[in-house]
Each structure stands twice: as C-alpha cells, then as structure tokens.
C-alpha cells in the first residue's frame, strides 16, 4: 500500500492497523472517519511507531490513544 498520499483510504487503513496492533478495548470509539487529511502526517507517524514495536505497555497504549484523540476532528 502506498501511504505517501493523504487519502481517506490510507487514513482508514492506518487507523484500522493501529487499532488492531494495540488490541484496544475502546477500538469501536475510534473510527477512520473521525480523522481527515490535515492530520495525515501525524497519523502516519503514530502508525509507523505502532508498527515498529511488537509489544506495548499500558502506559504506551494510553499515550498513543491520547495522541489519536488529539488528532480527531470535532465530530
């Protein structure tokens, strides 16, 4: 997948991958449509960080979820 373009499909892919990798209990609350292309690079940074690690502490997961919350558009 070519993640160099800030498309809705790429945002959806990255958000779903982040949710799956973090095995989030609140995953249903984070939906790809809550994000837009204005935060694409930040979302991509979170995605790349999540993909670079195999395990996360509870604290790391909380920080990542908090960061995703900051990137959400007002819905």
PDB file of N, CA and C in Angstrom:
ATOM      1  N   UNK A   1       0.840  -1.174   0.000  1.00  0.00           N
ATOM      2  CA  UNK A   1       0.000   0.000   0.000  1.00  0.00           C
ATOM      3  C   UNK A   1       0.888   1.241   0.000  1.00  0.00           C
ATOM      4  N   UNK A   2       0.550   2.179  -0.836  1.00  0.00           N
ATOM      5  CA  UNK A   2       1.305   3.426  -0.959  1.00  0.00           C
ATOM      6  C   UNK A   2       0.737   4.445   0.025  1.00  0.00           C
ATOM      7  N   UNK A   3       1.447   4.664   1.123  1.00  0.00           N
ATOM      8  CA  UNK A   3       0.969   5.574   2.154  1.00  0.00           C
ATOM      9  C   UNK A   3       1.531   6.983   2.001  1.00  0.00           C
ATOM     10  N   UNK A   4       2.050   7.301   0.827  1.00  0.00           N
ATOM     11  CA  UNK A   4       2.614   8.632   0.614  1.00  0.00           C
ATOM     12  C   UNK A   4       1.544   9.672   0.303  1.00  0.00           C
ATOM     13  N   UNK A   5       0.344   9.225  -0.032  1.00  0.00           N
ATOM     14  CA  UNK A   5      -0.738  10.137  -0.388  1.00  0.00           C
ATOM     15  C   UNK A   5      -1.756  10.248   0.751  1.00  0.00           C
ATOM     16  N   UNK A   6      -2.157  11.461   1.103  1.00  0.00           N
ATOM     17  CA  UNK A   6      -3.117  11.652   2.193  1.00  0.00           C
ATOM     18  C   UNK A   6      -4.564  11.399   1.770  1.00  0.00           C
ATOM     19  N   UNK A   7      -4.878  10.152   1.474  1.00  0.00           N
ATOM     20  CA  UNK A   7      -6.228   9.811   1.034  1.00  0.00           C
ATOM     21  C   UNK A   7      -7.046   9.246   2.196  1.00  0.00           C
ATOM     22  N   UNK A   8      -8.354   9.278   2.044  1.00  0.00           N
ATOM     23  CA  UNK A   8      -9.251   8.712   3.055  1.00  0.00           C
ATOM     24  C   UNK A   8      -8.992   7.210   3.211  1.00  0.00           C
ATOM     25  N   UNK A   9      -8.680   6.537   2.124  1.00  0.00           N
ATOM     26  CA  UNK A   9      -8.406   5.106   2.185  1.00  0.00           C
ATOM     27  C   UNK A   9      -7.151   4.820   3.008  1.00  0.00           C
ATOM     28  N   UNK A  10      -6.123   5.641   2.828  1.00  0.00           N
ATOM     29  CA  UNK A  10      -4.885   5.454   3.580  1.00  0.00           C
ATOM     30  C   UNK A  10      -5.102   5.740   5.062  1.00  0.00           C
ATOM     31  N   UNK A  11      -5.871   6.776   5.362  1.00  0.00           N
ATOM     32  CA  UNK A  11      -6.176   7.086   6.762  1.00  0.00           C
ATOM     33  C   UNK A  11      -6.939   5.921   7.380  1.00  0.00           C
ATOM     34  N   UNK A  12      -7.921   5.416   6.682  1.00  0.00           N
ATOM     35  CA  UNK A  12      -8.700   4.284   7.172  1.00  0.00           C
ATOM     36  C   UNK A  12      -7.811   3.071   7.422  1.00  0.00           C
ATOM     37  N   UNK A  13      -6.931   2.768   6.479  1.00  0.00           N
ATOM     38  CA  UNK A  13      -6.025   1.641   6.628  1.00  0.00           C
ATOM     39  C   UNK A  13      -5.146   1.800   7.865  1.00  0.00           C
ATOM     40  N   UNK A  14      -4.552   2.975   8.038  1.00  0.00           N
ATOM     41  CA  UNK A  14      -3.635   3.192   9.161  1.00  0.00           C
ATOM     42  C   UNK A  14      -4.359   3.139  10.500  1.00  0.00           C
ATOM     43  N   UNK A  15      -5.541   3.743  10.592  1.00  0.00           N
ATOM     44  CA  UNK A  15      -6.294   3.728  11.844  1.00  0.00           C
ATOM     45  C   UNK A  15      -6.682   2.293  12.202  1.00  0.00           C
ATOM     46  N   UNK A  16      -7.147   1.527  11.234  1.00  0.00           N
ATOM     47  CA  UNK A  16      -7.524   0.140  11.499  1.00  0.00           C
ATOM     48  C   UNK A  16      -6.311  -0.696  11.925  1.00  0.00           C
ATOM     49  N   UNK A  17      -5.173  -0.457  11.303  1.00  0.00           N
ATOM     50  CA  UNK A  17      -3.954  -1.171  11.676  1.00  0.00           C
ATOM     51  C   UNK A  17      -3.512  -0.810  13.098  1.00  0.00           C
ATOM     52  N   UNK A  18      -3.589   0.463  13.438  1.00  0.00           N
ATOM     53  CA  UNK A  18      -3.222   0.915  14.786  1.00  0.00           C
ATOM     54  C   UNK A  18      -4.137   0.248  15.810  1.00  0.00           C
ATOM     55  N   UNK A  19      -5.428   0.264  15.566  1.00  0.00           N
ATOM     56  CA  UNK A  19      -6.377  -0.338  16.490  1.00  0.00           C
ATOM     57  C   UNK A  19      -6.104  -1.824  16.665  1.00  0.00           C
ATOM     58  N   UNK A  20      -5.831  -2.513  15.570  1.00  0.00           N
ATOM     59  CA  UNK A  20      -5.556  -3.944  15.643  1.00  0.00           C
ATOM     60  C   UNK A  20      -4.281  -4.252  16.396  1.00  0.00           C
ATOM     61  N   UNK A  21      -3.259  -3.489  16.134  1.00  0.00           N
ATOM     62  CA  UNK A  21      -1.960  -3.738  16.766  1.00  0.00           C
ATOM     63  C   UNK A  21      -2.005  -3.453  18.265  1.00  0.00           C
ATOM     64  N   UNK A  22      -2.743  -2.439  18.649  1.00  0.00           N
ATOM     65  CA  UNK A  22      -2.827  -2.084  20.066  1.00  0.00           C
ATOM     66  C   UNK A  22      -3.853  -2.931  20.810  1.00  0.00           C
ATOM     67  N   UNK A  23      -4.666  -3.687  20.068  1.00  0.00           N
ATOM     68  CA  UNK A  23      -5.701  -4.522  20.675  1.00  0.00           C
ATOM     69  C   UNK A  23      -6.524  -3.706  21.661  1.00  0.00           C
ATOM     70  N   UNK A  24      -6.991  -2.598  21.176  1.00  0.00           N
ATOM     71  CA  UNK A  24      -7.673  -1.625  22.024  1.00  0.00           C
ATOM     72  C   UNK A  24      -9.067  -2.090  22.426  1.00  0.00           C
ATOM     73  N   UNK A  25      -9.366  -1.966  23.710  1.00  0.00           N
ATOM     74  CA  UNK A  25     -10.698  -2.287  24.204  1.00  0.00           C
ATOM     75  C   UNK A  25     -11.716  -1.272  23.702  1.00  0.00           C
ATOM     76  N   UNK A  26     -11.264  -0.051  23.494  1.00  0.00           N
ATOM     77  CA  UNK A  26     -12.169   1.015  23.046  1.00  0.00           C
ATOM     78  C   UNK A  26     -12.047   1.265  21.548  1.00  0.00           C
ATOM     79  N   UNK A  27     -11.660   0.267  20.804  1.00  0.00           N
ATOM     80  CA  UNK A  27     -11.417   0.434  19.371  1.00  0.00           C
ATOM     81  C   UNK A  27     -12.647   0.917  18.618  1.00  0.00           C
ATOM     82  N   UNK A  28     -13.818   0.527  19.065  1.00  0.00           N
ATOM     83  CA  UNK A  28     -15.043   0.931  18.363  1.00  0.00           C
ATOM     84  C   UNK A  28     -15.256   2.441  18.432  1.00  0.00           C
ATOM     85  N   UNK A  29     -14.670   3.087  19.430  1.00  0.00           N
ATOM     86  CA  UNK A  29     -14.840   4.537  19.584  1.00  0.00           C
ATOM     87  C   UNK A  29     -13.963   5.321  18.624  1.00  0.00           C
ATOM     88  N   UNK A  30     -12.960   4.686  18.068  1.00  0.00           N
ATOM     89  CA  UNK A  30     -12.058   5.365  17.134  1.00  0.00           C
ATOM     90  C   UNK A  30     -12.369   4.859  15.733  1.00  0.00           C
ATOM     91  N   UNK A  31     -12.883   5.764  14.932  1.00  0.00           N
ATOM     92  CA  UNK A  31     -13.278   5.398  13.570  1.00  0.00           C
ATOM     93  C   UNK A  31     -12.482   6.225  12.577  1.00  0.00           C
ATOM     94  N   UNK A  32     -12.137   5.632  11.446  1.00  0.00           N
ATOM     95  CA  UNK A  32     -11.357   6.359  10.434  1.00  0.00           C
ATOM     96  C   UNK A  32     -11.998   7.668   9.996  1.00  0.00           C
ATOM     97  N   UNK A  33     -13.320   7.711   9.969  1.00  0.00           N
ATOM     98  CA  UNK A  33     -13.980   8.943   9.528  1.00  0.00           C
ATOM     99  C   UNK A  33     -13.849  10.090  10.529  1.00  0.00           C
ATOM    100  N   UNK A  34     -13.300   9.814  11.705  1.00  0.00           N
ATOM    101  CA  UNK A  34     -13.047  10.856  12.698  1.00  0.00           C
ATOM    102  C   UNK A  34     -11.762  11.632  12.417  1.00  0.00           C
ATOM    103  N   UNK A  35     -11.055  11.265  11.372  1.00  0.00           N
ATOM    104  CA  UNK A  35      -9.775  11.888  11.045  1.00  0.00           C
ATOM    105  C   UNK A  35      -9.835  12.422   9.625  1.00  0.00           C
ATOM    106  N   UNK A  36      -9.042  13.458   9.356  1.00  0.00           N
ATOM    107  CA  UNK A  36      -9.003  13.967   7.991  1.00  0.00           C
ATOM    108  C   UNK A  36      -7.566  14.190   7.538  1.00  0.00           C
ATOM    109  N   UNK A  37      -7.445  14.576   6.292  1.00  0.00           N
ATOM    110  CA  UNK A  37      -6.130  14.685   5.652  1.00  0.00           C
ATOM    111  C   UNK A  37      -5.243  15.747   6.292  1.00  0.00           C
ATOM    112  N   UNK A  38      -5.815  16.685   7.021  1.00  0.00           N
ATOM    113  CA  UNK A  38      -4.995  17.712   7.669  1.00  0.00           C
ATOM    114  C   UNK A  38      -4.043  17.129   8.707  1.00  0.00           C
ATOM    115  N   UNK A  39      -4.406  16.013   9.294  1.00  0.00           N
ATOM    116  CA  UNK A  39      -3.555  15.357  10.293  1.00  0.00           C
ATOM    117  C   UNK A  39      -2.834  14.140   9.730  1.00  0.00           C
ATOM    118  N   UNK A  40      -2.788  14.026   8.422  1.00  0.00           N
ATOM    119  CA  UNK A  40      -2.247  12.818   7.786  1.00  0.00           C
ATOM    120  C   UNK A  40      -0.839  12.472   8.265  1.00  0.00           C
ATOM    121  N   UNK A  41       0.051  13.425   8.268  1.00  0.00           N
ATOM    122  CA  UNK A  41       1.444  13.136   8.657  1.00  0.00           C
ATOM    123  C   UNK A  41       1.535  12.693  10.115  1.00  0.00           C
ATOM    124  N   UNK A  42       0.728  13.293  10.982  1.00  0.00           N
ATOM    125  CA  UNK A  42       0.731  12.895  12.389  1.00  0.00           C
ATOM    126  C   UNK A  42       0.182  11.476  12.554  1.00  0.00           C
ATOM    127  N   UNK A  43      -0.885  11.166  11.820  1.00  0.00           N
ATOM    128  CA  UNK A  43      -1.446   9.809  11.859  1.00  0.00           C
ATOM    129  C   UNK A  43      -0.415   8.814  11.347  1.00  0.00           C
ATOM    130  N   UNK A  44       0.269   9.180  10.284  1.00  0.00           N
ATOM    131  CA  UNK A  44       1.291   8.300   9.714  1.00  0.00           C
ATOM    132  C   UNK A  44       2.428   8.081  10.712  1.00  0.00           C
ATOM    133  N   UNK A  45       2.800   9.126  11.454  1.00  0.00           N
ATOM    134  CA  UNK A  45       3.841   8.978  12.485  1.00  0.00           C
ATOM    135  C   UNK A  45       3.411   7.980  13.554  1.00  0.00           C
ATOM    136  N   UNK A  46       2.161   8.080  14.002  1.00  0.00           N
ATOM    137  CA  UNK A  46       1.647   7.138  15.008  1.00  0.00           C
ATOM    138  C   UNK A  46       1.641   5.727  14.424  1.00  0.00           C
ATOM    139  N   UNK A  47       1.175   5.603  13.195  1.00  0.00           N
ATOM    140  CA  UNK A  47       1.135   4.305  12.519  1.00  0.00           C
ATOM    141  C   UNK A  47       2.526   3.678  12.439  1.00  0.00           C
ATOM    142  N   UNK A  48       3.513   4.461  12.038  1.00  0.00           N
ATOM    143  CA  UNK A  48       4.874   3.935  11.905  1.00  0.00           C
ATOM    144  C   UNK A  48       5.451   3.553  13.267  1.00  0.00           C
ATOM    145  N   UNK A  49       5.159   4.331  14.300  1.00  0.00           N
ATOM    146  CA  UNK A  49       5.615   3.993  15.643  1.00  0.00           C
ATOM    147  C   UNK A  49       4.995   2.683  16.109  1.00  0.00           C
ATOM    148  N   UNK A  50       3.694   2.546  15.909  1.00  0.00           N
ATOM    149  CA  UNK A  50       2.991   1.326  16.327  1.00  0.00           C
ATOM    150  C   UNK A  50       3.538   0.120  15.580  1.00  0.00           C
ATOM    151  N   UNK A  51       3.815   0.272  14.290  1.00  0.00           N
ATOM    152  CA  UNK A  51       4.331  -0.847  13.510  1.00  0.00           C
ATOM    153  C   UNK A  51       5.779  -1.186  13.824  1.00  0.00           C
ATOM    154  N   UNK A  52       6.491  -0.277  14.471  1.00  0.00           N
ATOM    155  CA  UNK A  52       7.904  -0.530  14.768  1.00  0.00           C
ATOM    156  C   UNK A  52       8.103  -1.366  16.033  1.00  0.00           C
ATOM    157  N   UNK A  53       7.043  -1.574  16.801  1.00  0.00           N
ATOM    158  CA  UNK A  53       7.150  -2.308  18.056  1.00  0.00           C
ATOM    159  C   UNK A  53       6.232  -3.516  18.041  1.00  0.00           C
ATOM    160  N   UNK A  54       6.634  -4.552  18.773  1.00  0.00           N
ATOM    161  CA  UNK A  54       5.773  -5.732  18.842  1.00  0.00           C
ATOM    162  C   UNK A  54       4.919  -5.747  20.106  1.00  0.00           C
ATOM    163  N   UNK A  55       5.358  -5.067  21.154  1.00  0.00           N
ATOM    164  CA  UNK A  55       4.619  -5.036  22.413  1.00  0.00           C
ATOM    165  C   UNK A  55       4.556  -3.611  22.947  1.00  0.00           C
ATOM    166  N   UNK A  56       3.491  -3.341  23.693  1.00  0.00           N
ATOM    167  CA  UNK A  56       3.300  -2.020  24.267  1.00  0.00           C
ATOM    168  C   UNK A  56       2.898  -2.150  25.723  1.00  0.00           C
ATOM    169  N   UNK A  57       3.404  -1.248  26.540  1.00  0.00           N
ATOM    170  CA  UNK A  57       2.966  -1.199  27.932  1.00  0.00           C
ATOM    171  C   UNK A  57       1.611  -0.507  27.979  1.00  0.00           C
ATOM    172  N   UNK A  58       0.930  -0.655  29.099  1.00  0.00           N
ATOM    173  CA  UNK A  58      -0.352   0.030  29.273  1.00  0.00           C
ATOM    174  C   UNK A  58      -0.161   1.535  29.127  1.00  0.00           C
ATOM    175  N   UNK A  59       0.904   2.059  29.699  1.00  0.00           N
ATOM    176  CA  UNK A  59       1.194   3.486  29.624  1.00  0.00           C
ATOM    177  C   UNK A  59       1.386   3.935  28.172  1.00  0.00           C
ATOM    178  N   UNK A  60       2.115   3.142  27.392  1.00  0.00           N
ATOM    179  CA  UNK A  60       2.337   3.488  25.979  1.00  0.00           C
ATOM    180  C   UNK A  60       1.018   3.494  25.206  1.00  0.00           C
ATOM    181  N   UNK A  61       0.178   2.505  25.476  1.00  0.00           N
ATOM    182  CA  UNK A  61      -1.118   2.436  24.794  1.00  0.00           C
ATOM    183  C   UNK A  61      -1.953   3.660  25.152  1.00  0.00           C
ATOM    184  N   UNK A  62      -1.955   4.028  26.432  1.00  0.00           N
ATOM    185  CA  UNK A  62      -2.714   5.204  26.861  1.00  0.00           C
ATOM    186  C   UNK A  62      -2.209   6.464  26.160  1.00  0.00           C
ATOM    187  N   UNK A  63      -0.901   6.590  26.034  1.00  0.00           N
ATOM    188  CA  UNK A  63      -0.333   7.761  25.369  1.00  0.00           C
ATOM    189  C   UNK A  63      -0.697   7.793  23.888  1.00  0.00           C
ATOM    190  N   UNK A  64      -0.644   6.647  23.241  1.00  0.00           N
ATOM    191  CA  UNK A  64      -0.983   6.581  21.819  1.00  0.00           C
ATOM    192  C   UNK A  64      -2.462   6.886  21.590  1.00  0.00           C
ATOM    193  N   UNK A  65      -3.321   6.345  22.451  1.00  0.00           N
ATOM    194  CA  UNK A  65      -4.754   6.618  22.332  1.00  0.00           C
ATOM    195  C   UNK A  65      -5.022   8.098  22.583  1.00  0.00           C
ATOM    196  N   UNK A  66      -4.322   8.673  23.542  1.00  0.00           N
ATOM    197  CA  UNK A  66      -4.461  10.103  23.815  1.00  0.00           C
ATOM    198  C   UNK A  66      -4.054  10.926  22.596  1.00  0.00           C
ATOM    199  N   UNK A  67      -2.959  10.541  21.963  1.00  0.00           N
ATOM    200  CA  UNK A  67      -2.495  11.259  20.770  1.00  0.00           C
ATOM    201  C   UNK A  67      -3.521  11.147  19.644  1.00  0.00           C
ATOM    202  N   UNK A  68      -4.088   9.959  19.452  1.00  0.00           N
ATOM    203  CA  UNK A  68      -5.124   9.805  18.430  1.00  0.00           C
ATOM    204  C   UNK A  68      -6.323  10.689  18.755  1.00  0.00           C
ATOM    205  N   UNK A  69      -6.659  10.784  20.036  1.00  0.00           N
ATOM    206  CA  UNK A  69      -7.768  11.641  20.446  1.00  0.00           C
ATOM    207  C   UNK A  69      -7.520  13.096  20.098  1.00  0.00           C
ATOM    208  N   UNK A  70      -6.293  13.547  20.233  1.00  0.00           N
ATOM    209  CA  UNK A  70      -5.942  14.924  19.889  1.00  0.00           C
ATOM    210  C   UNK A  70      -6.047  15.177  18.391  1.00  0.00           C
ATOM    211  N   UNK A  71      -5.842  14.122  17.604  1.00  0.00           N
ATOM    212  CA  UNK A  71      -5.861  14.259  16.141  1.00  0.00           C
ATOM    213  C   UNK A  71      -7.268  14.186  15.558  1.00  0.00           C
ATOM    214  N   UNK A  72      -8.211  13.716  16.353  1.00  0.00           N
ATOM    215  CA  UNK A  72      -9.589  13.596  15.854  1.00  0.00           C
ATOM    216  C   UNK A  72     -10.152  14.963  15.498  1.00  0.00           C
ATOM    217  N   UNK A  73     -10.939  14.966  14.440  1.00  0.00           N
ATOM    218  CA  UNK A  73     -11.656  16.200  14.127  1.00  0.00           C
ATOM    219  C   UNK A  73     -12.879  16.262  15.031  1.00  0.00           C
ATOM    220  N   UNK A  74     -13.417  17.422  15.201  1.00  0.00           N
ATOM    221  CA  UNK A  74     -14.596  17.585  16.059  1.00  0.00           C
ATOM    222  C   UNK A  74     -15.799  16.973  15.375  1.00  0.00           C
ATOM    223  N   UNK A  75     -16.294  15.885  15.961  1.00  0.00           N
ATOM    224  CA  UNK A  75     -17.453  15.194  15.383  1.00  0.00           C
ATOM    225  C   UNK A  75     -18.623  15.246  16.328  1.00  0.00           C
TER     226      UNK A  75
END
